[in-house]
N, C-alpha and C. Protein backbone atom coordinates (compact mmCIF):
# COMPACT_ATOMS: atom_id res chain seq x y z
N MET A 1 -4.57 -34.03 -44.12
CA MET A 1 -3.58 -35.20 -44.67
C MET A 1 -4.48 -36.06 -45.71
N TYR A 2 -5.20 -36.26 -45.40
CA TYR A 2 -6.33 -37.54 -46.36
C TYR A 2 -6.57 -36.93 -47.25
N VAL A 3 -7.22 -35.44 -47.94
CA VAL A 3 -6.99 -34.75 -48.98
C VAL A 3 -6.24 -34.29 -49.82
N GLU A 4 -4.69 -34.10 -49.01
CA GLU A 4 -3.66 -34.19 -50.09
C GLU A 4 -3.35 -35.36 -50.41
N THR A 5 -3.02 -36.27 -49.84
CA THR A 5 -2.96 -38.09 -50.52
C THR A 5 -3.84 -38.11 -51.51
N ILE A 6 -5.25 -38.11 -51.15
CA ILE A 6 -6.23 -38.10 -52.72
C ILE A 6 -5.26 -37.36 -53.40
N ALA A 7 -5.23 -36.33 -53.48
CA ALA A 7 -5.10 -35.46 -54.68
C ALA A 7 -3.49 -36.14 -55.14
N TYR A 8 -2.57 -36.49 -54.28
CA TYR A 8 -1.43 -36.82 -54.66
C TYR A 8 -1.16 -38.28 -55.43
N ALA A 9 -2.53 -38.96 -55.07
CA ALA A 9 -2.72 -39.98 -55.87
C ALA A 9 -3.75 -39.91 -56.98
N LEU A 10 -4.22 -39.25 -56.97
CA LEU A 10 -5.12 -38.49 -58.35
C LEU A 10 -3.82 -37.93 -59.40
N ILE A 11 -2.60 -37.23 -59.08
CA ILE A 11 -1.81 -36.76 -59.91
C ILE A 11 -1.12 -37.70 -60.14
N GLY A 12 -0.84 -38.51 -59.36
CA GLY A 12 -0.20 -39.95 -59.69
C GLY A 12 -0.84 -40.68 -61.39
N LEU A 13 -2.06 -40.88 -60.73
CA LEU A 13 -3.15 -41.53 -62.06
C LEU A 13 -2.85 -40.81 -63.62
N THR A 14 -3.08 -39.71 -62.76
CA THR A 14 -3.41 -38.90 -64.49
C THR A 14 -1.88 -38.72 -64.83
N VAL A 15 -1.00 -38.64 -64.57
CA VAL A 15 0.70 -38.58 -65.13
C VAL A 15 0.80 -40.15 -65.62
N GLY A 16 0.22 -40.81 -65.31
CA GLY A 16 0.46 -42.59 -65.41
C GLY A 16 -0.43 -42.94 -66.86
N PHE A 17 -1.61 -42.34 -66.73
CA PHE A 17 -2.07 -42.39 -67.81
C PHE A 17 -1.82 -41.37 -69.14
N GLY A 18 -1.70 -40.44 -68.64
CA GLY A 18 -1.07 -39.75 -69.77
C GLY A 18 -0.04 -39.85 -70.72
N ALA A 19 0.95 -40.34 -69.58
CA ALA A 19 1.99 -40.90 -70.33
C ALA A 19 1.34 -41.67 -71.43
N LEU A 20 0.66 -43.10 -70.75
CA LEU A 20 0.40 -44.09 -71.63
C LEU A 20 -0.15 -43.72 -72.95
N VAL A 21 -1.17 -42.27 -73.14
CA VAL A 21 -2.07 -42.36 -73.82
C VAL A 21 -1.27 -41.13 -75.24
N LEU A 22 -0.50 -40.22 -74.58
CA LEU A 22 0.24 -39.30 -75.34
C LEU A 22 1.96 -40.04 -75.88
N LEU A 23 2.30 -41.25 -75.65
CA LEU A 23 3.17 -41.98 -75.41
C LEU A 23 3.15 -43.49 -75.46
N PRO A 24 2.27 -43.99 -76.35
CA PRO A 24 2.21 -45.44 -76.09
C PRO A 24 3.04 -46.16 -77.07
N GLY A 25 4.44 -45.85 -77.85
CA GLY A 25 4.71 -46.15 -78.32
C GLY A 25 6.61 -46.46 -77.23
N TYR A 26 6.25 -45.53 -76.11
CA TYR A 26 7.65 -45.69 -75.46
C TYR A 26 7.44 -46.15 -74.14
N PHE A 27 6.55 -46.77 -73.57
CA PHE A 27 6.13 -48.03 -72.76
C PHE A 27 5.75 -49.33 -73.18
N PRO A 28 6.65 -50.39 -73.78
CA PRO A 28 6.09 -51.30 -74.36
C PRO A 28 5.95 -52.58 -72.91
N ALA A 29 6.43 -52.24 -71.42
CA ALA A 29 6.20 -52.90 -70.58
C ALA A 29 4.70 -53.01 -70.34
N ALA A 30 4.78 -54.17 -69.31
CA ALA A 30 2.75 -53.79 -68.79
C ALA A 30 2.62 -52.20 -68.54
N ARG A 31 0.93 -51.87 -68.87
CA ARG A 31 0.45 -50.82 -68.35
C ARG A 31 0.51 -50.43 -67.14
N VAL A 32 0.34 -51.75 -66.22
CA VAL A 32 -0.14 -51.85 -64.79
C VAL A 32 1.47 -50.81 -63.96
N LEU A 33 3.26 -51.23 -65.11
CA LEU A 33 3.89 -50.65 -64.15
C LEU A 33 4.10 -49.08 -64.63
N THR A 34 3.32 -48.94 -65.76
CA THR A 34 3.48 -47.43 -65.94
C THR A 34 2.90 -46.55 -64.91
N VAL A 35 1.63 -46.96 -64.39
CA VAL A 35 0.93 -46.84 -63.94
C VAL A 35 1.13 -46.40 -62.11
N SER A 36 1.21 -47.69 -61.98
CA SER A 36 2.18 -47.94 -60.39
C SER A 36 3.19 -47.02 -60.00
N THR A 37 4.61 -46.88 -61.08
CA THR A 37 5.26 -46.24 -60.88
C THR A 37 4.48 -44.80 -60.60
N ALA A 38 3.90 -44.27 -61.58
CA ALA A 38 3.68 -42.86 -61.69
C ALA A 38 3.04 -42.60 -60.00
N LEU A 39 2.10 -43.32 -59.91
CA LEU A 39 1.35 -43.14 -58.63
C LEU A 39 2.36 -43.59 -57.25
N VAL A 40 3.31 -44.34 -57.36
CA VAL A 40 3.88 -44.45 -56.19
C VAL A 40 4.87 -43.31 -56.02
N ALA A 41 5.52 -42.65 -57.52
CA ALA A 41 6.35 -41.47 -57.28
C ALA A 41 6.02 -40.60 -56.54
N ALA A 42 4.16 -40.07 -57.10
CA ALA A 42 3.32 -39.01 -56.68
C ALA A 42 3.44 -39.04 -55.22
N LEU A 43 3.08 -40.32 -54.63
CA LEU A 43 2.70 -40.48 -53.43
C LEU A 43 3.92 -40.29 -52.42
N LEU A 44 5.01 -40.85 -53.38
CA LEU A 44 6.54 -40.97 -52.09
C LEU A 44 6.81 -39.02 -52.03
N GLY A 45 6.84 -38.65 -52.83
CA GLY A 45 7.26 -37.28 -53.73
C GLY A 45 6.24 -36.22 -52.60
N GLY A 46 5.07 -36.35 -52.71
CA GLY A 46 4.92 -35.70 -51.81
C GLY A 46 4.27 -35.44 -50.59
N LEU A 47 4.65 -36.62 -50.09
CA LEU A 47 4.76 -36.99 -48.57
C LEU A 47 6.02 -36.42 -47.93
N ILE A 48 6.81 -37.08 -48.86
CA ILE A 48 8.36 -36.42 -48.72
C ILE A 48 8.05 -35.02 -48.66
N ALA A 49 7.83 -33.80 -49.89
CA ALA A 49 7.43 -32.66 -49.81
C ALA A 49 6.61 -32.08 -48.84
N ARG A 50 5.78 -32.82 -48.02
CA ARG A 50 5.05 -32.24 -46.94
C ARG A 50 5.22 -32.22 -45.73
N TYR A 51 6.58 -33.17 -45.42
CA TYR A 51 7.40 -33.05 -43.98
C TYR A 51 8.43 -32.32 -43.95
N ALA A 52 8.60 -32.11 -45.22
CA ALA A 52 9.93 -31.23 -45.63
C ALA A 52 9.64 -29.43 -45.41
N PHE A 53 8.10 -29.88 -45.69
CA PHE A 53 7.44 -28.19 -45.90
C PHE A 53 7.00 -27.94 -44.41
N ASP A 54 6.88 -28.87 -44.04
CA ASP A 54 6.24 -28.81 -42.63
C ASP A 54 4.74 -28.66 -42.75
N GLY A 55 4.26 -28.79 -43.98
CA GLY A 55 2.98 -28.66 -43.85
C GLY A 55 2.51 -27.97 -44.22
N GLU A 56 3.32 -26.39 -44.14
CA GLU A 56 2.73 -25.21 -44.60
C GLU A 56 2.59 -24.24 -45.97
N GLN A 57 3.08 -25.57 -46.49
CA GLN A 57 2.56 -25.12 -48.41
C GLN A 57 2.08 -26.34 -48.91
N PRO A 58 0.87 -26.22 -49.07
CA PRO A 58 0.67 -27.73 -49.74
C PRO A 58 0.52 -27.61 -51.20
N ALA A 59 0.41 -26.20 -51.31
CA ALA A 59 0.62 -26.59 -53.23
C ALA A 59 2.17 -26.32 -53.95
N ALA A 60 3.30 -26.59 -52.64
CA ALA A 60 4.51 -26.49 -53.09
C ALA A 60 4.38 -28.36 -53.10
N ALA A 61 4.21 -28.81 -52.19
CA ALA A 61 3.94 -30.49 -52.10
C ALA A 61 3.35 -30.57 -53.11
N LEU A 62 2.13 -30.46 -53.82
CA LEU A 62 1.24 -30.97 -55.01
C LEU A 62 2.41 -31.31 -55.98
N ALA A 63 3.09 -29.61 -56.07
CA ALA A 63 4.11 -29.57 -57.69
C ALA A 63 4.95 -30.37 -57.44
N VAL A 64 5.74 -30.63 -56.21
CA VAL A 64 6.59 -31.56 -56.04
C VAL A 64 6.29 -33.22 -56.30
N SER A 65 5.40 -33.11 -56.06
CA SER A 65 4.34 -34.62 -56.27
C SER A 65 4.04 -34.64 -58.03
N ALA A 66 3.59 -33.59 -58.99
CA ALA A 66 3.90 -33.69 -60.41
C ALA A 66 5.00 -33.93 -61.02
N VAL A 67 6.30 -32.88 -60.28
CA VAL A 67 7.47 -33.44 -61.23
C VAL A 67 8.00 -34.33 -60.51
N GLY A 68 7.97 -35.23 -59.42
CA GLY A 68 8.97 -36.40 -59.52
C GLY A 68 8.17 -37.30 -60.15
N SER A 69 6.42 -37.66 -59.78
CA SER A 69 5.94 -38.17 -60.99
C SER A 69 6.49 -38.34 -62.31
N VAL A 70 6.63 -37.23 -62.75
CA VAL A 70 7.02 -37.05 -64.10
C VAL A 70 8.13 -37.51 -64.48
N LEU A 71 9.12 -37.13 -63.68
CA LEU A 71 10.86 -37.66 -63.84
C LEU A 71 10.59 -38.95 -63.32
N LEU A 72 9.93 -39.86 -62.46
CA LEU A 72 10.26 -40.88 -61.89
C LEU A 72 9.47 -41.98 -63.57
N VAL A 73 8.32 -41.80 -63.93
CA VAL A 73 7.79 -42.33 -64.58
C VAL A 73 8.59 -42.58 -66.04
N SER A 74 10.03 -41.81 -66.33
CA SER A 74 10.36 -41.91 -67.90
C SER A 74 11.19 -43.19 -67.57
N VAL A 75 11.45 -43.39 -66.15
CA VAL A 75 12.34 -44.69 -65.93
C VAL A 75 12.51 -46.15 -66.92
N PRO A 76 10.96 -46.27 -66.78
CA PRO A 76 10.54 -47.56 -67.27
C PRO A 76 10.18 -47.30 -69.09
N ALA A 77 10.42 -46.04 -69.50
CA ALA A 77 9.99 -45.91 -71.08
C ALA A 77 11.53 -45.89 -71.66
N ARG A 78 10.76 -46.99 -73.04
CA ARG A 78 11.84 -47.06 -74.13
C ARG A 78 12.04 -46.43 -75.56
N PRO A 79 12.80 -44.82 -75.20
CA PRO A 79 12.56 -44.47 -76.03
C PRO A 79 13.42 -45.09 -77.70
N ASP A 80 14.19 -46.02 -77.93
CA ASP A 80 14.11 -46.58 -79.02
C ASP A 80 13.50 -47.40 -79.53
N ARG A 81 12.23 -47.23 -78.61
CA ARG A 81 10.82 -47.92 -79.34
C ARG A 81 9.89 -47.08 -79.71
N GLY A 82 10.39 -45.85 -79.68
CA GLY A 82 8.96 -44.64 -80.07
C GLY A 82 9.55 -44.40 -81.51
N PRO A 83 8.32 -43.53 -81.92
CA PRO A 83 8.53 -42.59 -83.33
C PRO A 83 9.89 -42.03 -83.25
N ARG A 84 10.46 -42.37 -84.98
CA ARG A 84 11.06 -41.81 -84.77
C ARG A 84 11.37 -40.39 -85.84
N ARG A 85 12.48 -39.52 -85.25
CA ARG A 85 12.13 -38.07 -85.73
C ARG A 85 13.43 -37.81 -86.22
N GLY A 86 13.85 -36.87 -86.83
CA GLY A 86 14.81 -36.23 -87.03
C GLY A 86 15.95 -36.09 -89.07
N GLY A 87 16.89 -36.77 -88.77
CA GLY A 87 17.49 -36.67 -90.42
C GLY A 87 18.09 -37.65 -90.70
N GLY A 88 17.47 -38.75 -90.16
CA GLY A 88 17.74 -40.53 -90.61
C GLY A 88 17.58 -40.44 -92.07
N HIS A 89 17.37 -41.78 -92.63
CA HIS A 89 17.37 -42.08 -94.02
C HIS A 89 16.71 -43.18 -93.33
N ARG A 90 15.40 -43.06 -94.36
CA ARG A 90 14.47 -44.68 -94.09
C ARG A 90 15.14 -45.42 -95.36
N HIS A 91 15.72 -45.07 -96.10
CA HIS A 91 16.37 -46.34 -97.02
C HIS A 91 17.39 -46.32 -97.34
N ARG A 92 18.07 -47.08 -97.80
CA ARG A 92 19.99 -46.98 -97.69
C ARG A 92 19.96 -46.68 -99.24
N ARG A 93 20.94 -46.09 -99.53
CA ARG A 93 21.33 -45.14 -100.51
C ARG A 93 21.48 -47.18 -101.59
N GLN A 94 21.82 -46.49 -102.76
CA GLN A 94 22.24 -47.76 -103.76
C GLN A 94 22.86 -47.12 -104.47
N ARG A 95 23.53 -48.16 -104.97
CA ARG A 95 24.90 -47.35 -105.62
C ARG A 95 24.99 -47.63 -106.79
N ALA A 96 25.90 -46.99 -107.28
CA ALA A 96 25.72 -46.40 -108.78
C ALA A 96 26.18 -47.45 -109.51
N ALA A 97 25.92 -48.36 -110.62
CA ALA A 97 26.45 -49.25 -111.35
C ALA A 97 27.20 -49.13 -111.98
């Protein structure tokens, strides 16, 4: 039980810091908010999955922990602040005189 809880916490910390490193523009809020969201989501997801699987499948509980953490860390993300991609124009078109 303790080893799995430490594994859930490590998954959450990895997801939180990974989100900050890979997508820094999407998380304008405090870095503590992003990391703590990932940590709590991984712990809760892992513990709920552990009890749902009755402790028989620890690998599945770790996978649920990781997926839950990735999904919930996107809640404080601000995609409107991230890098822009696609077919948008950067400059206004100038009218012909």
